[in-house]
C-alpha atoms as a PDB file:
ATOM      1  CA  MET A   1      36.398  23.752 -48.235  1.00  0.00           C
ATOM      2  CA  LEU A   2      39.907  24.496 -49.819  1.00  0.00           C
ATOM      3  CA  LEU A   3      42.592  26.218 -48.145  1.00  0.00           C
ATOM      4  CA  LYS A   4      45.468  27.224 -50.316  1.00  0.00           C
ATOM      5  CA  ASN A   5      49.077  28.176 -49.164  1.00  0.00           C
ATOM      6  CA  TYR A   6      51.542  28.722 -52.115  1.00  0.00           C
ATOM      7  CA  THR A   7      55.410  28.414 -51.672  1.00  0.00           C
ATOM      8  CA  LYS A   8      57.523  31.416 -51.924  1.00  0.00           C
ATOM      9  CA  THR A   9      58.265  30.397 -55.661  1.00  0.00           C
ATOM     10  CA  LYS A  10      54.834  29.965 -56.388  1.00  0.00           C
ATOM     11  CA  LYS A  11      55.542  26.690 -58.037  1.00  0.00           C
ATOM     12  CA  LYS A  12      53.834  24.527 -55.505  1.00  0.00           C
ATOM     13  CA  CYS A  13      50.759  24.974 -53.463  1.00  0.00           C
ATOM     14  CA  ARG A  14      49.722  23.189 -50.167  1.00  0.00           C
ATOM     15  CA  VAL A  15      46.008  22.500 -50.421  1.00  0.00           C
ATOM     16  CA  THR A  16      44.127  21.584 -47.343  1.00  0.00           C
ATOM     17  CA  PHE A  17      41.048  19.781 -48.309  1.00  0.00           C
ATOM     18  CA  LYS A  18      38.110  19.754 -45.526  1.00  0.00           C
ATOM     19  CA  TYR A  19      34.813  18.148 -45.795  1.00  0.00           C
ATOM     20  CA  PRO A  20      32.147  19.000 -43.106  1.00  0.00           C
ATOM     21  CA  ASN A  21      30.659  15.423 -43.128  1.00  0.00           C
ATOM     22  CA  GLN A  22      26.968  16.135 -42.718  1.00  0.00           C
ATOM     23  CA  GLU A  23      26.591  12.447 -43.488  1.00  0.00           C
ATOM     24  CA  HIS A  24      28.431  11.392 -40.297  1.00  0.00           C
ATOM     25  CA  ALA A  25      30.636   9.174 -42.333  1.00  0.00           C
ATOM     26  CA  ASP A  26      33.200   7.075 -40.347  1.00  0.00           C
ATOM     27  CA  SER A  27      36.179   7.578 -42.808  1.00  0.00           C
ATOM     28  CA  ALA A  28      36.820   9.663 -45.791  1.00  0.00           C
ATOM     29  CA  THR A  29      39.631   9.776 -48.406  1.00  0.00           C
ATOM     30  CA  LEU A  30      40.430  12.304 -51.256  1.00  0.00           C
ATOM     31  CA  ALA A  31      40.565  11.097 -54.762  1.00  0.00           C
ATOM     32  CA  GLY A  32      41.452  13.049 -57.843  1.00  0.00           C
ATOM     33  CA  GLU A  33      43.796  13.471 -60.687  1.00  0.00           C
ATOM     34  CA  PHE A  34      46.693  13.906 -58.635  1.00  0.00           C
ATOM     35  CA  ASN A  35      46.498  10.417 -57.148  1.00  0.00           C
ATOM     36  CA  ASN A  36      45.025   8.496 -60.245  1.00  0.00           C
ATOM     37  CA  TRP A  37      41.626   8.731 -58.755  1.00  0.00           C
ATOM     38  CA  SER A  38      42.676   6.105 -56.065  1.00  0.00           C
ATOM     39  CA  PRO A  39      39.862   5.987 -53.359  1.00  0.00           C
ATOM     40  CA  THR A  40      42.543   4.660 -50.806  1.00  0.00           C
ATOM     41  CA  ASP A  41      45.764   6.253 -51.439  1.00  0.00           C
ATOM     42  CA  THR A  42      45.063   9.693 -49.683  1.00  0.00           C
ATOM     43  CA  PRO A  43      43.042   9.040 -46.527  1.00  0.00           C
ATOM     44  CA  MET A  44      41.756  11.968 -44.505  1.00  0.00           C
ATOM     45  CA  ASN A  45      41.970  12.749 -40.732  1.00  0.00           C
ATOM     46  CA  LYS A  46      38.811  12.787 -38.791  1.00  0.00           C
ATOM     47  CA  LEU A  47      38.746  16.059 -36.686  1.00  0.00           C
ATOM     48  CA  LYS A  48      37.037  16.578 -33.376  1.00  0.00           C
ATOM     49  CA  ASP A  49      34.035  18.241 -34.830  1.00  0.00           C
ATOM     50  CA  GLY A  50      33.444  15.245 -37.023  1.00  0.00           C
ATOM     51  CA  SER A  51      34.766  16.854 -40.299  1.00  0.00           C
ATOM     52  CA  PHE A  52      37.622  15.444 -42.441  1.00  0.00           C
ATOM     53  CA  SER A  53      40.782  17.210 -43.544  1.00  0.00           C
ATOM     54  CA  VAL A  54      43.946  16.335 -45.566  1.00  0.00           C
ATOM     55  CA  THR A  55      46.847  18.586 -46.949  1.00  0.00           C
ATOM     56  CA  VAL A  56      48.232  17.784 -50.295  1.00  0.00           C
ATOM     57  CA  SER A  57      51.197  19.669 -51.865  1.00  0.00           C
ATOM     58  CA  LEU A  58      50.365  20.296 -55.738  1.00  0.00           C
ATOM     59  CA  GLN A  59      52.011  21.986 -58.655  1.00  0.00           C
ATOM     60  CA  ALA A  60      50.702  25.359 -58.997  1.00  0.00           C
ATOM     61  CA  ASN A  61      49.282  26.909 -62.233  1.00  0.00           C
ATOM     62  CA  ARG A  62      46.978  24.078 -62.766  1.00  0.00           C
ATOM     63  CA  THR A  63      43.439  22.874 -62.170  1.00  0.00           C
ATOM     64  CA  TYR A  64      42.826  19.507 -60.543  1.00  0.00           C
ATOM     65  CA  THR A  65      39.468  17.432 -60.487  1.00  0.00           C
ATOM     66  CA  PHE A  66      38.718  15.664 -57.203  1.00  0.00           C
ATOM     67  CA  ARG A  67      35.986  14.045 -55.159  1.00  0.00           C
ATOM     68  CA  TYR A  68      35.796  12.714 -51.544  1.00  0.00           C
ATOM     69  CA  VAL A  69      35.021   9.018 -50.860  1.00  0.00           C
ATOM     70  CA  LEU A  70      32.999   8.510 -47.814  1.00  0.00           C
ATOM     71  CA  ASP A  71      32.987   5.045 -46.053  1.00  0.00           C
ATOM     72  CA  GLU A  72      34.707   3.502 -48.988  1.00  0.00           C
ATOM     73  CA  THR A  73      31.773   3.628 -51.219  1.00  0.00           C
ATOM     74  CA  THR A  74      30.049   7.117 -51.335  1.00  0.00           C
ATOM     75  CA  TRP A  75      31.660   9.780 -53.829  1.00  0.00           C
ATOM     76  CA  VAL A  76      30.672  13.232 -53.020  1.00  0.00           C
ATOM     77  CA  ASN A  77      31.812  16.729 -54.040  1.00  0.00           C
ATOM     78  CA  ASP A  78      33.327  19.569 -52.177  1.00  0.00           C
ATOM     79  CA  LEU A  79      30.457  21.967 -51.435  1.00  0.00           C
ATOM     80  CA  GLU A  80      32.902  25.111 -51.837  1.00  0.00           C
ATOM     81  CA  ALA A  81      34.997  23.826 -54.734  1.00  0.00           C
ATOM     82  CA  ASP A  82      36.406  26.483 -57.223  1.00  0.00           C
ATOM     83  CA  GLU A  83      34.139  24.949 -59.859  1.00  0.00           C
ATOM     84  CA  TYR A  84      32.587  21.687 -61.013  1.00  0.00           C
ATOM     85  CA  VAL A  85      32.853  19.723 -64.281  1.00  0.00           C
ATOM     86  CA  ALA A  86      30.781  16.750 -65.708  1.00  0.00           C
ATOM     87  CA  ASN A  87      32.360  13.426 -65.479  1.00  0.00           C
ATOM     88  CA  GLU A  88      31.820  10.179 -67.401  1.00  0.00           C
ATOM     89  CA  HIS A  89      29.577   8.778 -64.784  1.00  0.00           C
ATOM     90  CA  GLY A  90      26.857  11.300 -65.399  1.00  0.00           C
ATOM     91  CA  GLU A  91      27.857  13.301 -62.337  1.00  0.00           C
ATOM     92  CA  SER A  92      30.161  16.144 -61.673  1.00  0.00           C
ATOM     93  CA  ASN A  93      33.584  16.425 -60.219  1.00  0.00           C
ATOM     94  CA  SER A  94      34.885  19.283 -57.806  1.00  0.00           C
ATOM     95  CA  VAL A  95      37.792  21.351 -59.289  1.00  0.00           C
ATOM     96  CA  VAL A  96      40.563  23.122 -57.471  1.00  0.00           C
ATOM     97  CA  ILE A  97      42.300  26.036 -59.359  1.00  0.00           C
ATOM     98  CA  LEU A  98      45.793  26.795 -58.499  1.00  0.00           C
END
């Protein structure tokens, strides 16, 4: 799930990325264009309901591809992403449109 909150100038957007975690993973990180696809740089917080969440400030008027990394090994998409695009691994990436 993606929650978007734009600044008053509309130049930045605080995006909350939330993953429901139906796999019952112990950890999750957010990887995407905005952090050079690092599987470790943007850890997500595990919430009481078992889901994961993290908020990132991004430049508005752009699109960004991203995926979630569960337990450091499993890459998954956001089930409610704005759209999806094919990637070089024969899978797809989630897209957030700002």
